[in-house]
Amino acid sequence: MQMTLLGVGAMNSPRYRPAGLAVRWAGHRVVLDGVDAGGGHVDAWLVCDERAELMPEIRRRSRELGVPAGAVEYCAAGVRLRPLPVEHTSHPTFGYLVEHREHRVVWAPEFWRFPDWAAGADLVFADAAGWDRPIRFAGGVGGHASTVDTARRASRAGVRRLVFAHIGRPSIRAIDRGLTPPFGEWGAEGRTYAVVSGRFRADRP
């Protein structure tokens, strides 16, 4: 099973494409979020927020590829991708748990609180919209956790590897100052993560 980051940016990022992930295994390929499916066929296009601002573009692109886009479960050839709830905004939003044999990978690019169900995962792709302070939505309904807090919570929760894949402007400024999270790493567009002998390897783009 291989996972390639198609984008690592938050909405309207001045530097990165919108956060997206392609998961490939045994002749299957599923896209999570983003707006570009990358090369190759697509069996399903799964999204975390069916009311997101990017949904019209995602639906247009998915229709061109002949697949629906939605927050649904997908199972094939021993791999299961299922949407699980995250605390993010006033309407239902999700992250995805990707299960393959004994391995657990989490795609959760937007959340206000680190999801409990991600504890102990082998690999987590996480929100990095804020750097050292959370971003609260107007009206006090949800928002984005800070990268620093997520790093600490993920470490305490036993996550083996943490990759920040929804990088917002405060985190971009932190990157430009040479700062790094206390746990985890910045994601990079085009980087592929593969399961190799029971462990995850990252290949640079």
Protein backbone atom coordinates (compact mmCIF):
# COMPACT_ATOMS: atom_id res chain seq x y z
CA MET A 1 0.00 0.00 0.00
CA GLN A 2 1.36 3.39 -1.03
CA MET A 3 0.13 6.87 -0.05
CA THR A 4 1.16 9.96 -2.04
CA LEU A 5 0.53 13.53 -0.93
CA LEU A 6 -1.17 15.39 -3.79
CA GLY A 7 -1.16 18.67 -1.86
CA VAL A 8 -0.37 19.93 1.63
CA GLY A 9 -2.00 23.36 1.70
CA ALA A 10 -4.85 24.87 3.67
CA MET A 11 -7.63 26.70 1.84
CA ASN A 12 -6.27 29.53 -0.37
CA SER A 13 -2.67 28.68 0.50
CA PRO A 14 -0.19 31.07 -1.14
CA ARG A 15 2.33 28.24 -1.56
CA TYR A 16 0.76 24.78 -1.68
CA ARG A 17 -2.02 22.94 -3.48
CA PRO A 18 -5.02 21.93 -1.32
CA ALA A 19 -4.34 19.00 0.97
CA GLY A 20 -5.01 15.69 -0.73
CA LEU A 21 -3.84 12.09 -0.61
CA ALA A 22 -3.83 9.23 -3.11
CA VAL A 23 -3.88 5.70 -1.67
CA ARG A 24 -2.81 2.89 -4.01
CA TRP A 25 -2.81 -0.88 -3.51
CA ALA A 26 -3.41 -4.08 -5.52
CA GLY A 27 -4.66 -2.28 -8.63
CA HIS A 28 -6.90 0.11 -6.66
CA ARG A 29 -6.47 3.86 -6.27
CA VAL A 30 -8.53 6.16 -4.02
CA VAL A 31 -8.20 9.93 -3.69
CA LEU A 32 -8.88 11.72 -0.41
CA ASP A 33 -9.81 15.43 -0.61
CA GLY A 34 -7.59 17.73 -2.71
CA VAL A 35 -8.75 19.05 -6.10
CA ASP A 36 -6.35 17.16 -8.35
CA ALA A 37 -6.50 13.38 -8.61
CA GLY A 38 -2.98 13.13 -10.00
CA GLY A 39 -2.12 10.58 -12.67
CA GLY A 40 -3.74 7.20 -13.06
CA HIS A 41 -7.26 5.86 -12.69
CA VAL A 42 -9.45 6.61 -9.66
CA ASP A 43 -11.82 4.10 -8.05
CA ALA A 44 -13.30 6.52 -5.50
CA TRP A 45 -12.93 10.13 -4.37
CA LEU A 46 -13.53 10.44 -0.64
CA VAL A 47 -13.92 13.75 1.18
CA CYS A 48 -13.84 14.87 4.80
CA ASP A 49 -16.32 17.73 4.46
CA GLU A 50 -19.19 17.54 1.98
CA ARG A 51 -19.89 21.25 2.52
CA ALA A 52 -16.33 22.44 2.00
CA GLU A 53 -15.69 25.41 -0.29
CA LEU A 54 -13.72 23.17 -2.65
CA MET A 55 -16.58 20.70 -3.14
CA PRO A 56 -17.91 22.22 -6.40
CA GLU A 57 -14.47 21.82 -7.98
CA ILE A 58 -14.00 18.33 -6.50
CA ARG A 59 -17.42 17.21 -7.80
CA ARG A 60 -16.65 18.59 -11.27
CA ARG A 61 -13.32 16.76 -11.41
CA SER A 62 -14.75 13.53 -10.00
CA ARG A 63 -17.57 13.57 -12.57
CA GLU A 64 -14.98 13.91 -15.33
CA LEU A 65 -13.35 10.75 -13.95
CA GLY A 66 -16.68 8.94 -13.67
CA VAL A 67 -16.65 8.50 -9.88
CA PRO A 68 -18.82 10.15 -7.19
CA ALA A 69 -17.28 12.27 -4.43
CA GLY A 70 -18.52 11.97 -0.88
CA ALA A 71 -17.86 11.07 2.75
CA VAL A 72 -18.37 7.33 2.39
CA GLU A 73 -16.61 4.06 3.16
CA TYR A 74 -14.58 2.19 0.56
CA CYS A 75 -13.37 -1.41 0.86
CA ALA A 76 -11.44 -3.53 -1.64
CA ALA A 77 -8.73 -6.20 -1.71
CA GLY A 78 -8.19 -6.24 2.04
CA VAL A 79 -8.06 -2.46 2.55
CA ARG A 80 -10.79 -0.48 4.29
CA LEU A 81 -11.10 3.31 4.26
CA ARG A 82 -13.82 4.53 6.60
CA PRO A 83 -14.91 8.03 7.62
CA LEU A 84 -14.86 8.72 11.35
CA PRO A 85 -16.08 11.95 12.98
CA VAL A 86 -13.78 14.82 13.90
CA GLU A 87 -14.56 17.97 15.83
CA HIS A 88 -14.07 20.80 13.36
CA THR A 89 -17.13 22.92 12.61
CA SER A 90 -20.91 23.15 13.12
CA HIS A 91 -21.81 20.44 10.58
CA PRO A 92 -20.55 16.84 10.34
CA THR A 93 -16.92 16.49 9.25
CA PHE A 94 -14.68 13.45 9.14
CA GLY A 95 -11.22 12.00 8.96
CA TYR A 96 -10.45 8.62 7.45
CA LEU A 97 -9.03 5.50 9.04
CA VAL A 98 -7.22 3.37 6.46
CA GLU A 99 -6.85 -0.22 7.64
CA HIS A 100 -4.67 -2.82 5.95
CA ARG A 101 -3.90 -6.02 7.85
CA GLU A 102 -2.37 -4.84 11.13
CA HIS A 103 -1.63 -1.32 9.84
CA ARG A 104 -3.63 1.83 10.62
CA VAL A 105 -3.18 5.08 8.71
CA VAL A 106 -5.15 8.25 9.49
CA TRP A 107 -6.06 11.06 7.10
CA ALA A 108 -7.38 13.94 9.25
CA PRO A 109 -6.41 17.23 7.57
CA GLU A 110 -8.84 19.43 9.53
CA PHE A 111 -9.86 19.29 13.18
CA TRP A 112 -10.28 21.41 16.28
CA ARG A 113 -9.25 18.58 18.60
CA PHE A 114 -6.96 15.65 17.83
CA PRO A 115 -9.34 12.70 17.30
CA ASP A 116 -9.25 9.97 19.95
CA TRP A 117 -9.68 7.27 17.31
CA ALA A 118 -6.29 8.19 15.80
CA ALA A 119 -4.44 7.04 18.94
CA GLY A 120 -1.82 4.39 18.30
CA ALA A 121 -1.91 4.76 14.51
CA ASP A 122 1.15 3.85 12.47
CA LEU A 123 0.91 7.03 10.41
CA VAL A 124 -1.23 10.16 10.80
CA PHE A 125 -1.64 12.97 8.28
CA ALA A 126 -2.83 15.94 10.34
CA ASP A 127 -4.02 19.55 10.38
CA ALA A 128 -1.36 22.27 10.50
CA ALA A 129 -3.43 25.36 9.76
CA GLY A 130 -2.25 27.08 12.95
CA TRP A 131 1.28 27.02 14.33
CA ASP A 132 1.49 27.69 18.10
CA ARG A 133 -2.09 28.89 18.59
CA PRO A 134 -5.39 27.34 17.49
CA ILE A 135 -7.58 29.09 14.94
CA ARG A 136 -11.11 29.60 16.25
CA PHE A 137 -13.99 30.07 13.82
CA ALA A 138 -16.29 33.06 14.13
CA GLY A 139 -19.04 32.39 16.66
CA GLY A 140 -16.83 30.00 18.60
CA VAL A 141 -17.89 26.91 16.65
CA GLY A 142 -14.85 24.75 16.03
CA GLY A 143 -11.74 25.72 14.12
CA HIS A 144 -8.24 24.36 13.64
CA ALA A 145 -5.89 22.97 16.29
CA SER A 146 -2.35 24.32 16.47
CA THR A 147 0.51 22.29 15.04
CA VAL A 148 2.43 22.43 18.32
CA ASP A 149 -0.52 21.13 20.35
CA THR A 150 -1.30 18.39 17.82
CA ALA A 151 2.32 17.25 17.87
CA ARG A 152 2.24 16.87 21.64
CA ARG A 153 -1.14 15.14 21.69
CA ALA A 154 -0.17 12.72 18.91
CA SER A 155 3.05 11.82 20.70
CA ARG A 156 1.18 11.15 23.95
CA ALA A 157 -1.41 9.11 22.02
CA GLY A 158 1.23 6.71 20.76
CA VAL A 159 1.20 7.73 17.09
CA ARG A 160 4.27 6.23 15.42
CA ARG A 161 4.69 8.79 12.65
CA LEU A 162 3.03 12.19 12.25
CA VAL A 163 2.98 14.17 9.00
CA PHE A 164 1.46 17.66 8.83
CA ALA A 165 -0.50 17.90 5.59
CA HIS A 166 -2.83 20.93 5.84
CA ILE A 167 -0.33 23.73 6.23
CA GLY A 168 -1.77 27.20 6.86
CA ARG A 169 -0.19 30.65 6.76
CA PRO A 170 0.95 30.69 10.42
CA SER A 171 2.73 27.38 9.87
CA ILE A 172 4.24 28.62 6.60
CA ARG A 173 5.74 31.53 8.55
CA ALA A 174 7.09 29.02 11.08
CA ILE A 175 8.66 26.98 8.26
CA ASP A 176 10.27 30.12 6.84
CA ARG A 177 11.79 30.80 10.27
CA GLY A 178 13.25 27.30 10.29
CA LEU A 179 10.94 26.01 13.03
CA THR A 180 9.88 22.39 13.31
CA PRO A 181 7.14 20.71 15.38
CA PRO A 182 8.16 19.06 18.69
CA PHE A 183 7.03 15.76 17.14
CA GLY A 184 6.32 14.92 13.51
CA GLU A 185 7.37 16.43 10.20
CA TRP A 186 6.13 18.79 7.51
CA GLY A 187 4.47 17.07 4.57
CA ALA A 188 5.71 17.64 1.02
CA GLU A 189 3.72 17.49 -2.19
CA GLY A 190 4.56 14.39 -4.19
CA ARG A 191 6.08 12.48 -1.29
CA THR A 192 5.06 8.82 -1.13
CA TYR A 193 4.79 6.70 2.01
CA ALA A 194 4.88 2.92 1.59
CA VAL A 195 4.42 -0.03 3.89
CA VAL A 196 7.69 -1.95 3.80
CA SER A 197 8.24 -5.00 6.02
CA GLY A 198 5.67 -3.82 8.53
CA ARG A 199 7.05 -0.26 8.68
CA PHE A 200 6.40 2.98 6.84
CA ARG A 201 9.03 4.40 4.55
CA ALA A 202 8.88 7.89 3.06
CA ASP A 203 10.34 8.46 -0.39
CA ARG A 204 11.16 12.03 -1.25
CA PRO A 205 9.45 13.48 -4.35
